[in-house]
C-alpha cells in the first residue's frame, strides 16, 4: 500500500476509535511509525487528512445514493438499503460522533456535508413515494416531509444517541438495531397490513441480531 493510502487508512482507524479532536498529526505519524516530516510530505497536517477522508466518504455516499434510483421495490429492499447507508456512515463514524464540533472547526466541510444530507433526504423522500405507489403504505401528502425528517434525524444522530445509552453495542449490532428503528417508522402508514409487517420485522430482527 502506498504511504499516502496508509496514512488515510490509519488516520480513519484512529479517528473512529479515539475521536478526531483528540489526535494530532504527530500522533498519526507515530502510529504509522514514520516521521512527521514524511507525513507532511503527503498531507500538510491533520486538516488535509480530514478533508481527504471526507472526499472518500462523499464519493462513496453519492454512489450509494445514485444506486437507489428505481431499485427499491419492496419493504425488504428498503431494509437492505438502510443497512447499506448505515454501514457507510459507520465506516466514517468520526464525522458523525461530534458532528456539530467538527463542522464548526471545518466550515468548508459543513457546506459539503449539508449537500450529502440533502441527497440522503431526496433518496428517502423518493423511497416513501415508491412505497406509496406500490400500495405498501398509505400516507397523507402532508406527512411525507415529517416522516422523511424523522428518518434523516435517525440516520444522522444514531451514533450520538448510542453514546448516551447504558448498553454497549458493537458496530453490526448497532446498525441492526438502527435499521429496525427506521423501518418501524413506516408501520403506522401500512394500514391493516401494519401489524403483520411489524411482526415479520420483529422476527427478522430477533433472528438476525446475534
C-alpha atoms as a PDB file:
ATOM      1  CA  UNK A   1       0.000   0.000   0.000  1.00  0.00           C
ATOM      2  CA  UNK A   2       1.298   3.459  -0.870  1.00  0.00           C
ATOM      3  CA  UNK A   3       2.289   5.704   2.022  1.00  0.00           C
ATOM      4  CA  UNK A   4      -0.491   8.176   1.228  1.00  0.00           C
ATOM      5  CA  UNK A   5      -3.112   5.442   1.378  1.00  0.00           C
ATOM      6  CA  UNK A   6      -1.627   4.033   4.586  1.00  0.00           C
ATOM      7  CA  UNK A   7      -1.866   7.472   6.187  1.00  0.00           C
ATOM      8  CA  UNK A   8      -5.552   7.708   5.292  1.00  0.00           C
ATOM      9  CA  UNK A   9      -6.346   4.170   6.446  1.00  0.00           C
ATOM     10  CA  UNK A  10      -4.592   4.530   9.799  1.00  0.00           C
ATOM     11  CA  UNK A  11      -5.975   8.046  10.347  1.00  0.00           C
ATOM     12  CA  UNK A  12      -9.514   6.801   9.734  1.00  0.00           C
ATOM     13  CA  UNK A  13      -8.996   3.973  12.210  1.00  0.00           C
ATOM     14  CA  UNK A  14      -7.604   6.332  14.851  1.00  0.00           C
ATOM     15  CA  UNK A  15     -10.275   8.993  14.343  1.00  0.00           C
ATOM     16  CA  UNK A  16     -13.038   6.382  14.581  1.00  0.00           C
ATOM     17  CA  UNK A  17     -11.594   4.847  17.740  1.00  0.00           C
ATOM     18  CA  UNK A  18     -10.368   7.909  19.615  1.00  0.00           C
ATOM     19  CA  UNK A  19     -12.070  10.929  18.042  1.00  0.00           C
ATOM     20  CA  UNK A  20     -10.578  13.398  15.622  1.00  0.00           C
ATOM     21  CA  UNK A  21     -10.237  16.243  18.137  1.00  0.00           C
ATOM     22  CA  UNK A  22      -8.044  14.122  20.440  1.00  0.00           C
ATOM     23  CA  UNK A  23      -5.359  13.440  17.867  1.00  0.00           C
ATOM     24  CA  UNK A  24      -2.605  15.457  16.215  1.00  0.00           C
ATOM     25  CA  UNK A  25      -0.654  14.825  13.043  1.00  0.00           C
ATOM     26  CA  UNK A  26       2.283  13.755  15.251  1.00  0.00           C
ATOM     27  CA  UNK A  27       0.070  11.082  16.859  1.00  0.00           C
ATOM     28  CA  UNK A  28      -0.808   9.813  13.392  1.00  0.00           C
ATOM     29  CA  UNK A  29       2.855   9.767  12.323  1.00  0.00           C
ATOM     30  CA  UNK A  30       3.780   7.839  15.494  1.00  0.00           C
ATOM     31  CA  UNK A  31       1.041   5.268  14.862  1.00  0.00           C
ATOM     32  CA  UNK A  32       2.396   4.801  11.332  1.00  0.00           C
ATOM     33  CA  UNK A  33       5.989   4.724  12.597  1.00  0.00           C
ATOM     34  CA  UNK A  34       7.003   7.418  10.151  1.00  0.00           C
ATOM     35  CA  UNK A  35       8.439  10.853  10.769  1.00  0.00           C
ATOM     36  CA  UNK A  36       6.154  13.899  10.970  1.00  0.00           C
ATOM     37  CA  UNK A  37       8.098  15.263   8.009  1.00  0.00           C
ATOM     38  CA  UNK A  38       7.255  12.209   5.933  1.00  0.00           C
ATOM     39  CA  UNK A  39       3.574  12.616   6.791  1.00  0.00           C
ATOM     40  CA  UNK A  40       3.747  16.321   5.980  1.00  0.00           C
ATOM     41  CA  UNK A  41       5.174  15.474   2.556  1.00  0.00           C
ATOM     42  CA  UNK A  42       1.880  13.727   1.725  1.00  0.00           C
ATOM     43  CA  UNK A  43      -0.560  15.830   3.769  1.00  0.00           C
ATOM     44  CA  UNK A  44       0.007  19.332   5.069  1.00  0.00           C
ATOM     45  CA  UNK A  45      -1.264  18.480   8.551  1.00  0.00           C
ATOM     46  CA  UNK A  46      -4.301  16.810  10.084  1.00  0.00           C
ATOM     47  CA  UNK A  47      -6.757  19.186   8.389  1.00  0.00           C
ATOM     48  CA  UNK A  48      -5.683  17.946   4.965  1.00  0.00           C
ATOM     49  CA  UNK A  49      -6.138  14.324   6.083  1.00  0.00           C
ATOM     50  CA  UNK A  50      -9.658  15.034   7.306  1.00  0.00           C
ATOM     51  CA  UNK A  51     -10.580  16.703   4.020  1.00  0.00           C
ATOM     52  CA  UNK A  52      -9.150  13.772   2.044  1.00  0.00           C
ATOM     53  CA  UNK A  53     -11.179  11.338   4.156  1.00  0.00           C
ATOM     54  CA  UNK A  54     -14.283  13.415   3.562  1.00  0.00           C
ATOM     55  CA  UNK A  55     -13.581  13.254  -0.176  1.00  0.00           C
ATOM     56  CA  UNK A  56     -13.733   9.467   0.096  1.00  0.00           C
ATOM     57  CA  UNK A  57     -16.857   9.479   2.221  1.00  0.00           C
ATOM     58  CA  UNK A  58     -18.634  11.945  -0.043  1.00  0.00           C
ATOM     59  CA  UNK A  59     -17.783   9.982  -3.197  1.00  0.00           C
ATOM     60  CA  UNK A  60     -18.862   6.629  -1.749  1.00  0.00           C
ATOM     61  CA  UNK A  61     -22.067   8.080  -0.299  1.00  0.00           C
ATOM     62  CA  UNK A  62     -23.059   9.651  -3.615  1.00  0.00           C
ATOM     63  CA  UNK A  63     -22.535   6.307  -5.368  1.00  0.00           C
ATOM     64  CA  UNK A  64     -24.873   4.676  -2.833  1.00  0.00           C
ATOM     65  CA  UNK A  65     -27.473   7.422  -3.200  1.00  0.00           C
ATOM     66  CA  UNK A  66     -27.415   7.164  -7.003  1.00  0.00           C
ATOM     67  CA  UNK A  67     -27.820   3.401  -6.753  1.00  0.00           C
ATOM     68  CA  UNK A  68     -31.213   3.714  -5.056  1.00  0.00           C
ATOM     69  CA  UNK A  69     -32.979   5.148  -8.109  1.00  0.00           C
ATOM     70  CA  UNK A  70     -35.615   2.744  -9.342  1.00  0.00           C
ATOM     71  CA  UNK A  71     -34.250  -0.126  -7.273  1.00  0.00           C
ATOM     72  CA  UNK A  72     -36.396  -0.130  -4.115  1.00  0.00           C
ATOM     73  CA  UNK A  73     -39.482  -2.148  -4.987  1.00  0.00           C
ATOM     74  CA  UNK A  74     -40.401  -3.602  -1.580  1.00  0.00           C
ATOM     75  CA  UNK A  75     -40.153  -3.098   2.169  1.00  0.00           C
ATOM     76  CA  UNK A  76     -37.312  -5.629   2.176  1.00  0.00           C
ATOM     77  CA  UNK A  77     -35.417  -3.572  -0.415  1.00  0.00           C
ATOM     78  CA  UNK A  78     -35.701  -0.550   1.843  1.00  0.00           C
ATOM     79  CA  UNK A  79     -34.483  -2.594   4.822  1.00  0.00           C
ATOM     80  CA  UNK A  80     -31.372  -3.623   2.896  1.00  0.00           C
ATOM     81  CA  UNK A  81     -30.805  -0.114   1.562  1.00  0.00           C
ATOM     82  CA  UNK A  82     -30.892   1.422   5.049  1.00  0.00           C
ATOM     83  CA  UNK A  83     -28.307  -1.191   6.055  1.00  0.00           C
ATOM     84  CA  UNK A  84     -26.028  -0.047   3.231  1.00  0.00           C
ATOM     85  CA  UNK A  85     -26.405   3.611   4.225  1.00  0.00           C
ATOM     86  CA  UNK A  86     -25.648   2.909   7.880  1.00  0.00           C
ATOM     87  CA  UNK A  87     -22.667   0.706   7.088  1.00  0.00           C
ATOM     88  CA  UNK A  88     -21.156   3.509   5.016  1.00  0.00           C
ATOM     89  CA  UNK A  89     -21.764   6.034   7.793  1.00  0.00           C
ATOM     90  CA  UNK A  90     -20.252   3.650  10.347  1.00  0.00           C
ATOM     91  CA  UNK A  91     -17.092   3.300   8.259  1.00  0.00           C
ATOM     92  CA  UNK A  92     -16.610   7.092   8.633  1.00  0.00           C
ATOM     93  CA  UNK A  93     -18.329   7.431  12.014  1.00  0.00           C
ATOM     94  CA  UNK A  94     -15.975  10.026  13.452  1.00  0.00           C
ATOM     95  CA  UNK A  95     -17.654  12.611  11.208  1.00  0.00           C
ATOM     96  CA  UNK A  96     -20.982  11.938  12.945  1.00  0.00           C
ATOM     97  CA  UNK A  97     -19.968  11.394  16.572  1.00  0.00           C
ATOM     98  CA  UNK A  98     -19.043  15.051  17.109  1.00  0.00           C
ATOM     99  CA  UNK A  99     -20.849  16.487  14.114  1.00  0.00           C
ATOM    100  CA  UNK A 100     -21.509  19.981  15.451  1.00  0.00           C
ATOM    101  CA  UNK A 101     -17.966  20.415  16.748  1.00  0.00           C
ATOM    102  CA  UNK A 102     -16.307  19.066  13.628  1.00  0.00           C
ATOM    103  CA  UNK A 103     -18.377  21.213  11.268  1.00  0.00           C
ATOM    104  CA  UNK A 104     -17.637  24.272  13.404  1.00  0.00           C
ATOM    105  CA  UNK A 105     -13.916  23.570  13.041  1.00  0.00           C
ATOM    106  CA  UNK A 106     -14.206  22.893   9.299  1.00  0.00           C
ATOM    107  CA  UNK A 107     -16.878  25.248   7.911  1.00  0.00           C
ATOM    108  CA  UNK A 108     -15.980  24.357   4.318  1.00  0.00           C
ATOM    109  CA  UNK A 109     -16.933  20.755   5.056  1.00  0.00           C
ATOM    110  CA  UNK A 110     -20.216  21.931   6.584  1.00  0.00           C
ATOM    111  CA  UNK A 111     -21.409  23.047   3.150  1.00  0.00           C
ATOM    112  CA  UNK A 112     -20.499  19.714   1.604  1.00  0.00           C
ATOM    113  CA  UNK A 113     -21.976  17.731   4.483  1.00  0.00           C
ATOM    114  CA  UNK A 114     -25.281  19.560   4.096  1.00  0.00           C
ATOM    115  CA  UNK A 115     -25.232  18.662   0.411  1.00  0.00           C
ATOM    116  CA  UNK A 116     -24.767  14.973   1.259  1.00  0.00           C
ATOM    117  CA  UNK A 117     -27.572  15.231   3.828  1.00  0.00           C
ATOM    118  CA  UNK A 118     -29.825  16.807   1.191  1.00  0.00           C
ATOM    119  CA  UNK A 119     -29.054  13.910  -1.134  1.00  0.00           C
ATOM    120  CA  UNK A 120     -29.997  11.438   1.591  1.00  0.00           C
ATOM    121  CA  UNK A 121     -33.235  13.287   2.204  1.00  0.00           C
ATOM    122  CA  UNK A 122     -34.134  13.221  -1.503  1.00  0.00           C
ATOM    123  CA  UNK A 123     -33.474   9.489  -1.565  1.00  0.00           C
ATOM    124  CA  UNK A 124     -35.658   8.889   1.496  1.00  0.00           C
ATOM    125  CA  UNK A 125     -38.444  11.042   0.061  1.00  0.00           C
ATOM    126  CA  UNK A 126     -38.256   9.079  -3.188  1.00  0.00           C
ATOM    127  CA  UNK A 127     -38.440   5.768  -1.324  1.00  0.00           C
ATOM    128  CA  UNK A 128     -41.570   6.976   0.517  1.00  0.00           C
ATOM    129  CA  UNK A 129     -43.152   7.865  -2.820  1.00  0.00           C
ATOM    130  CA  UNK A 130     -42.151   4.479  -4.269  1.00  0.00           C
ATOM    131  CA  UNK A 131     -43.662   2.564  -1.355  1.00  0.00           C
ATOM    132  CA  UNK A 132     -46.856   4.576  -1.712  1.00  0.00           C
ATOM    133  CA  UNK A 133     -47.074   3.900  -5.465  1.00  0.00           C
ATOM    134  CA  UNK A 134     -46.626   0.182  -4.801  1.00  0.00           C
ATOM    135  CA  UNK A 135     -49.518   0.298  -2.332  1.00  0.00           C
ATOM    136  CA  UNK A 136     -47.298  -0.743   0.562  1.00  0.00           C
ATOM    137  CA  UNK A 137     -48.043   2.395   2.568  1.00  0.00           C
ATOM    138  CA  UNK A 138     -50.880   4.912   2.610  1.00  0.00           C
ATOM    139  CA  UNK A 139     -49.748   8.343   3.737  1.00  0.00           C
ATOM    140  CA  UNK A 140     -51.231  11.828   3.651  1.00  0.00           C
ATOM    141  CA  UNK A 141     -49.045  14.023   1.439  1.00  0.00           C
ATOM    142  CA  UNK A 142     -48.699  16.466   4.347  1.00  0.00           C
ATOM    143  CA  UNK A 143     -46.994  13.759   6.427  1.00  0.00           C
ATOM    144  CA  UNK A 144     -44.342  12.772   3.886  1.00  0.00           C
ATOM    145  CA  UNK A 145     -41.914  15.560   4.781  1.00  0.00           C
ATOM    146  CA  UNK A 146     -42.173  14.947   8.568  1.00  0.00           C
ATOM    147  CA  UNK A 147     -41.617  11.211   8.016  1.00  0.00           C
ATOM    148  CA  UNK A 148     -38.560  11.909   5.844  1.00  0.00           C
ATOM    149  CA  UNK A 149     -37.278  14.298   8.526  1.00  0.00           C
ATOM    150  CA  UNK A 150     -37.696  11.633  11.223  1.00  0.00           C
ATOM    151  CA  UNK A 151     -35.739   9.125   9.168  1.00  0.00           C
ATOM    152  CA  UNK A 152     -32.955  11.597   8.355  1.00  0.00           C
ATOM    153  CA  UNK A 153     -32.674  12.559  12.027  1.00  0.00           C
ATOM    154  CA  UNK A 154     -32.240   8.906  12.938  1.00  0.00           C
ATOM    155  CA  UNK A 155     -29.677   8.346  10.181  1.00  0.00           C
ATOM    156  CA  UNK A 156     -27.706  11.405  11.325  1.00  0.00           C
ATOM    157  CA  UNK A 157     -27.736  11.084  15.120  1.00  0.00           C
ATOM    158  CA  UNK A 158     -27.920   7.317  15.780  1.00  0.00           C
ATOM    159  CA  UNK A 159     -24.254   7.178  16.812  1.00  0.00           C
ATOM    160  CA  UNK A 160     -24.562  10.114  19.210  1.00  0.00           C
ATOM    161  CA  UNK A 161     -27.722   8.582  20.659  1.00  0.00           C
ATOM    162  CA  UNK A 162     -25.990   5.270  21.264  1.00  0.00           C
ATOM    163  CA  UNK A 163     -23.236   7.056  23.173  1.00  0.00           C
ATOM    164  CA  UNK A 164     -25.898   8.122  25.707  1.00  0.00           C
ATOM    165  CA  UNK A 165     -27.135   4.561  26.170  1.00  0.00           C
ATOM    166  CA  UNK A 166     -26.100   2.351  29.077  1.00  0.00           C
ATOM    167  CA  UNK A 167     -25.975  -0.586  26.684  1.00  0.00           C
ATOM    168  CA  UNK A 168     -22.829  -1.380  24.742  1.00  0.00           C
ATOM    169  CA  UNK A 169     -23.318  -2.248  21.067  1.00  0.00           C
ATOM    170  CA  UNK A 170     -20.674  -3.320  18.597  1.00  0.00           C
ATOM    171  CA  UNK A 171     -20.950  -1.957  15.055  1.00  0.00           C
ATOM    172  CA  UNK A 172     -23.091  -4.707  13.476  1.00  0.00           C
ATOM    173  CA  UNK A 173     -25.474  -4.842  16.457  1.00  0.00           C
ATOM    174  CA  UNK A 174     -25.918  -1.073  16.475  1.00  0.00           C
ATOM    175  CA  UNK A 175     -26.525  -0.961  12.722  1.00  0.00           C
ATOM    176  CA  UNK A 176     -29.071  -3.778  13.001  1.00  0.00           C
ATOM    177  CA  UNK A 177     -30.875  -2.024  15.853  1.00  0.00           C
ATOM    178  CA  UNK A 178     -30.976   1.271  13.973  1.00  0.00           C
ATOM    179  CA  UNK A 179     -32.287  -0.301  10.754  1.00  0.00           C
ATOM    180  CA  UNK A 180     -35.137  -1.790  12.798  1.00  0.00           C
ATOM    181  CA  UNK A 181     -35.891   1.627  14.318  1.00  0.00           C
ATOM    182  CA  UNK A 182     -36.034   3.243  10.872  1.00  0.00           C
ATOM    183  CA  UNK A 183     -38.283   0.550   9.418  1.00  0.00           C
ATOM    184  CA  UNK A 184     -40.671   0.813  12.366  1.00  0.00           C
ATOM    185  CA  UNK A 185     -41.354   4.411  11.310  1.00  0.00           C
ATOM    186  CA  UNK A 186     -43.188   3.061   8.234  1.00  0.00           C
ATOM    187  CA  UNK A 187     -45.516   0.751  10.184  1.00  0.00           C
ATOM    188  CA  UNK A 188     -48.189   3.360  11.096  1.00  0.00           C
ATOM    189  CA  UNK A 189     -48.677   4.011   7.366  1.00  0.00           C
ATOM    190  CA  UNK A 190     -49.173   0.364   6.380  1.00  0.00           C
ATOM    191  CA  UNK A 191     -52.851   0.282   7.287  1.00  0.00           C
ATOM    192  CA  UNK A 192     -54.284  -3.133   8.088  1.00  0.00           C
ATOM    193  CA  UNK A 193     -51.067  -4.766   6.903  1.00  0.00           C
ATOM    194  CA  UNK A 194     -49.073  -2.876   9.542  1.00  0.00           C
ATOM    195  CA  UNK A 195     -49.327  -5.332  12.475  1.00  0.00           C
ATOM    196  CA  UNK A 196     -48.362  -8.288  10.286  1.00  0.00           C
ATOM    197  CA  UNK A 197     -45.472  -6.342   8.755  1.00  0.00           C
ATOM    198  CA  UNK A 198     -44.287  -5.324  12.212  1.00  0.00           C
ATOM    199  CA  UNK A 199     -44.436  -8.950  13.317  1.00  0.00           C
ATOM    200  CA  UNK A 200     -42.279 -10.002  10.381  1.00  0.00           C
ATOM    201  CA  UNK A 201     -39.790  -7.239  11.085  1.00  0.00           C
ATOM    202  CA  UNK A 202     -39.582  -8.188  14.769  1.00  0.00           C
ATOM    203  CA  UNK A 203     -38.975 -11.839  13.882  1.00  0.00           C
ATOM    204  CA  UNK A 204     -36.325 -10.839  11.351  1.00  0.00           C
ATOM    205  CA  UNK A 205     -34.728  -8.520  13.908  1.00  0.00           C
ATOM    206  CA  UNK A 206     -34.632 -11.235  16.574  1.00  0.00           C
ATOM    207  CA  UNK A 207     -33.387 -13.950  14.218  1.00  0.00           C
ATOM    208  CA  UNK A 208     -30.526 -11.925  12.761  1.00  0.00           C
ATOM    209  CA  UNK A 209     -29.403  -9.648  15.587  1.00  0.00           C
ATOM    210  CA  UNK A 210     -26.956 -12.131  17.024  1.00  0.00           C
END
